[in-house]
């Protein structure tokens, strides 16, 4: 592993420290990709629509120091991205038919943390 490759690696502990505290049930706990460059996790978060949840997540991100926030989408699917230090957090929020996280009150929020 070269130095530049090692600098791109992201440990679960670092990703955990970078995430805001989401109010919702963990559906898939944080997992590192096979190349150790990204960490993914999924939550079930209450909200009126996907864009409502995305705005809530965006506020949490802003409160925890994320900048360059971009929030977009509609009631069925929305997304949020932001940067903090060398990390980028990207979250896709979508309505779900799964019993564990069924819309309209609950939405899947799938997060990816990686180095910019």
C-alpha atoms as a PDB file:
ATOM      1  CA  UNK A   1       0.000   0.000   0.000  1.00  0.00           C
ATOM      2  CA  UNK A   2       1.467   3.337  -1.034  1.00  0.00           C
ATOM      3  CA  UNK A   3       1.318   6.397   1.199  1.00  0.00           C
ATOM      4  CA  UNK A   4      -1.369   8.043  -0.967  1.00  0.00           C
ATOM      5  CA  UNK A   5      -3.408   4.829  -0.895  1.00  0.00           C
ATOM      6  CA  UNK A   6      -3.050   4.611   2.886  1.00  0.00           C
ATOM      7  CA  UNK A   7      -4.174   8.243   3.241  1.00  0.00           C
ATOM      8  CA  UNK A   8      -7.382   7.413   1.352  1.00  0.00           C
ATOM      9  CA  UNK A   9      -8.334   4.612   3.760  1.00  0.00           C
ATOM     10  CA  UNK A  10     -11.150   5.277   6.208  1.00  0.00           C
ATOM     11  CA  UNK A  11     -11.600   3.392   9.480  1.00  0.00           C
ATOM     12  CA  UNK A  12     -15.056   2.745  10.911  1.00  0.00           C
ATOM     13  CA  UNK A  13     -14.027   4.622  14.074  1.00  0.00           C
ATOM     14  CA  UNK A  14     -13.161   7.747  12.069  1.00  0.00           C
ATOM     15  CA  UNK A  15     -16.446   7.545  10.147  1.00  0.00           C
ATOM     16  CA  UNK A  16     -18.382   7.066  13.395  1.00  0.00           C
ATOM     17  CA  UNK A  17     -16.782  10.190  14.853  1.00  0.00           C
ATOM     18  CA  UNK A  18     -17.671  12.130  11.677  1.00  0.00           C
ATOM     19  CA  UNK A  19     -21.375  11.244  11.695  1.00  0.00           C
ATOM     20  CA  UNK A  20     -23.998  13.431  13.340  1.00  0.00           C
ATOM     21  CA  UNK A  21     -26.226  11.677  15.902  1.00  0.00           C
ATOM     22  CA  UNK A  22     -29.224  10.554  13.859  1.00  0.00           C
ATOM     23  CA  UNK A  23     -32.519  10.143  15.679  1.00  0.00           C
ATOM     24  CA  UNK A  24     -33.687   6.870  14.255  1.00  0.00           C
ATOM     25  CA  UNK A  25     -33.177   3.137  14.321  1.00  0.00           C
ATOM     26  CA  UNK A  26     -30.018   1.680  12.840  1.00  0.00           C
ATOM     27  CA  UNK A  27     -30.990  -0.646  10.004  1.00  0.00           C
ATOM     28  CA  UNK A  28     -27.503  -1.517   8.774  1.00  0.00           C
ATOM     29  CA  UNK A  29     -24.618  -0.697  11.098  1.00  0.00           C
ATOM     30  CA  UNK A  30     -21.503   0.947   9.755  1.00  0.00           C
ATOM     31  CA  UNK A  31     -19.565  -1.265   7.379  1.00  0.00           C
ATOM     32  CA  UNK A  32     -16.335  -0.590   5.569  1.00  0.00           C
ATOM     33  CA  UNK A  33     -16.152  -1.296   1.827  1.00  0.00           C
ATOM     34  CA  UNK A  34     -13.766  -4.057   0.737  1.00  0.00           C
ATOM     35  CA  UNK A  35     -11.195  -1.468  -0.396  1.00  0.00           C
ATOM     36  CA  UNK A  36     -11.505   0.358   2.997  1.00  0.00           C
ATOM     37  CA  UNK A  37     -12.051   3.709   1.244  1.00  0.00           C
ATOM     38  CA  UNK A  38     -15.682   4.202   2.268  1.00  0.00           C
ATOM     39  CA  UNK A  39     -17.938   3.449   5.219  1.00  0.00           C
ATOM     40  CA  UNK A  40     -21.689   2.902   4.763  1.00  0.00           C
ATOM     41  CA  UNK A  41     -24.628   2.764   7.168  1.00  0.00           C
ATOM     42  CA  UNK A  42     -28.425   3.002   7.000  1.00  0.00           C
ATOM     43  CA  UNK A  43     -30.976   4.422   9.425  1.00  0.00           C
ATOM     44  CA  UNK A  44     -34.751   4.595   9.557  1.00  0.00           C
ATOM     45  CA  UNK A  45     -35.666   8.221  10.297  1.00  0.00           C
ATOM     46  CA  UNK A  46     -39.104   9.733  10.906  1.00  0.00           C
ATOM     47  CA  UNK A  47     -40.309  12.544   8.696  1.00  0.00           C
ATOM     48  CA  UNK A  48     -43.146  13.859   6.577  1.00  0.00           C
ATOM     49  CA  UNK A  49     -41.293  13.224   3.287  1.00  0.00           C
ATOM     50  CA  UNK A  50     -37.833  12.338   1.982  1.00  0.00           C
ATOM     51  CA  UNK A  51     -36.968  16.000   1.481  1.00  0.00           C
ATOM     52  CA  UNK A  52     -38.183  16.775   5.026  1.00  0.00           C
ATOM     53  CA  UNK A  53     -35.803  14.125   6.401  1.00  0.00           C
ATOM     54  CA  UNK A  54     -32.997  15.409   4.151  1.00  0.00           C
ATOM     55  CA  UNK A  55     -33.491  18.918   5.584  1.00  0.00           C
ATOM     56  CA  UNK A  56     -33.371  17.516   9.151  1.00  0.00           C
ATOM     57  CA  UNK A  57     -30.179  15.641   8.320  1.00  0.00           C
ATOM     58  CA  UNK A  58     -28.735  18.786   6.720  1.00  0.00           C
ATOM     59  CA  UNK A  59     -29.419  20.765   9.908  1.00  0.00           C
ATOM     60  CA  UNK A  60     -27.674  18.076  11.985  1.00  0.00           C
ATOM     61  CA  UNK A  61     -24.731  18.148   9.613  1.00  0.00           C
ATOM     62  CA  UNK A  62     -24.485  21.941   9.844  1.00  0.00           C
ATOM     63  CA  UNK A  63     -24.601  21.743  13.656  1.00  0.00           C
ATOM     64  CA  UNK A  64     -21.680  19.293  13.628  1.00  0.00           C
ATOM     65  CA  UNK A  65     -19.482  21.447  11.405  1.00  0.00           C
ATOM     66  CA  UNK A  66     -20.258  20.273   7.880  1.00  0.00           C
ATOM     67  CA  UNK A  67     -19.912  22.907   5.174  1.00  0.00           C
ATOM     68  CA  UNK A  68     -20.763  23.199   1.473  1.00  0.00           C
ATOM     69  CA  UNK A  69     -24.107  21.528   2.192  1.00  0.00           C
ATOM     70  CA  UNK A  70     -26.203  20.571  -0.799  1.00  0.00           C
ATOM     71  CA  UNK A  71     -29.779  19.368  -0.162  1.00  0.00           C
ATOM     72  CA  UNK A  72     -31.945  18.277  -3.085  1.00  0.00           C
ATOM     73  CA  UNK A  73     -34.851  16.017  -3.919  1.00  0.00           C
ATOM     74  CA  UNK A  74     -38.565  15.581  -3.445  1.00  0.00           C
ATOM     75  CA  UNK A  75     -41.031  13.768  -1.201  1.00  0.00           C
ATOM     76  CA  UNK A  76     -40.024  10.260  -2.387  1.00  0.00           C
ATOM     77  CA  UNK A  77     -36.218  10.592  -2.726  1.00  0.00           C
ATOM     78  CA  UNK A  78     -33.755  13.238  -1.574  1.00  0.00           C
ATOM     79  CA  UNK A  79     -30.074  13.653  -0.855  1.00  0.00           C
ATOM     80  CA  UNK A  80     -27.657  15.635   1.276  1.00  0.00           C
ATOM     81  CA  UNK A  81     -23.919  16.088   0.854  1.00  0.00           C
ATOM     82  CA  UNK A  82     -21.444  18.066   2.902  1.00  0.00           C
ATOM     83  CA  UNK A  83     -17.769  18.349   3.723  1.00  0.00           C
ATOM     84  CA  UNK A  84     -15.975  18.470   7.043  1.00  0.00           C
ATOM     85  CA  UNK A  85     -12.207  18.593   7.142  1.00  0.00           C
ATOM     86  CA  UNK A  86     -10.987  15.936   4.682  1.00  0.00           C
ATOM     87  CA  UNK A  87     -14.235  13.937   4.716  1.00  0.00           C
ATOM     88  CA  UNK A  88     -17.395  14.036   2.637  1.00  0.00           C
ATOM     89  CA  UNK A  89     -20.711  12.722   3.919  1.00  0.00           C
ATOM     90  CA  UNK A  90     -23.327  11.803   1.337  1.00  0.00           C
ATOM     91  CA  UNK A  91     -26.799  10.651   2.384  1.00  0.00           C
ATOM     92  CA  UNK A  92     -29.642   9.393   0.210  1.00  0.00           C
ATOM     93  CA  UNK A  93     -33.108   9.449   1.792  1.00  0.00           C
ATOM     94  CA  UNK A  94     -35.903   7.408   0.253  1.00  0.00           C
ATOM     95  CA  UNK A  95     -39.387   6.184   1.011  1.00  0.00           C
ATOM     96  CA  UNK A  96     -39.556   2.507   1.826  1.00  0.00           C
ATOM     97  CA  UNK A  97     -42.066  -0.290   1.548  1.00  0.00           C
ATOM     98  CA  UNK A  98     -40.044  -2.505   3.918  1.00  0.00           C
ATOM     99  CA  UNK A  99     -41.943  -3.326   7.102  1.00  0.00           C
ATOM    100  CA  UNK A 100     -38.983  -2.322   9.261  1.00  0.00           C
ATOM    101  CA  UNK A 101     -39.006   1.221   7.868  1.00  0.00           C
ATOM    102  CA  UNK A 102     -42.291   1.729   6.065  1.00  0.00           C
ATOM    103  CA  UNK A 103     -43.306   5.126   4.605  1.00  0.00           C
ATOM    104  CA  UNK A 104     -45.024   7.544   5.027  1.00  0.00           C
ATOM    105  CA  UNK A 105     -43.681   8.135   8.547  1.00  0.00           C
ATOM    106  CA  UNK A 106     -40.277   6.456   8.167  1.00  0.00           C
ATOM    107  CA  UNK A 107     -37.587   6.828   5.535  1.00  0.00           C
ATOM    108  CA  UNK A 108     -34.342   5.016   4.765  1.00  0.00           C
ATOM    109  CA  UNK A 109     -31.327   7.278   5.169  1.00  0.00           C
ATOM    110  CA  UNK A 110     -28.277   5.616   3.623  1.00  0.00           C
ATOM    111  CA  UNK A 111     -24.974   7.313   4.439  1.00  0.00           C
ATOM    112  CA  UNK A 112     -21.579   7.066   2.779  1.00  0.00           C
ATOM    113  CA  UNK A 113     -18.487   8.634   4.345  1.00  0.00           C
ATOM    114  CA  UNK A 114     -15.278   8.952   2.315  1.00  0.00           C
ATOM    115  CA  UNK A 115     -12.202  11.128   1.903  1.00  0.00           C
ATOM    116  CA  UNK A 116     -12.450  13.968  -0.566  1.00  0.00           C
END
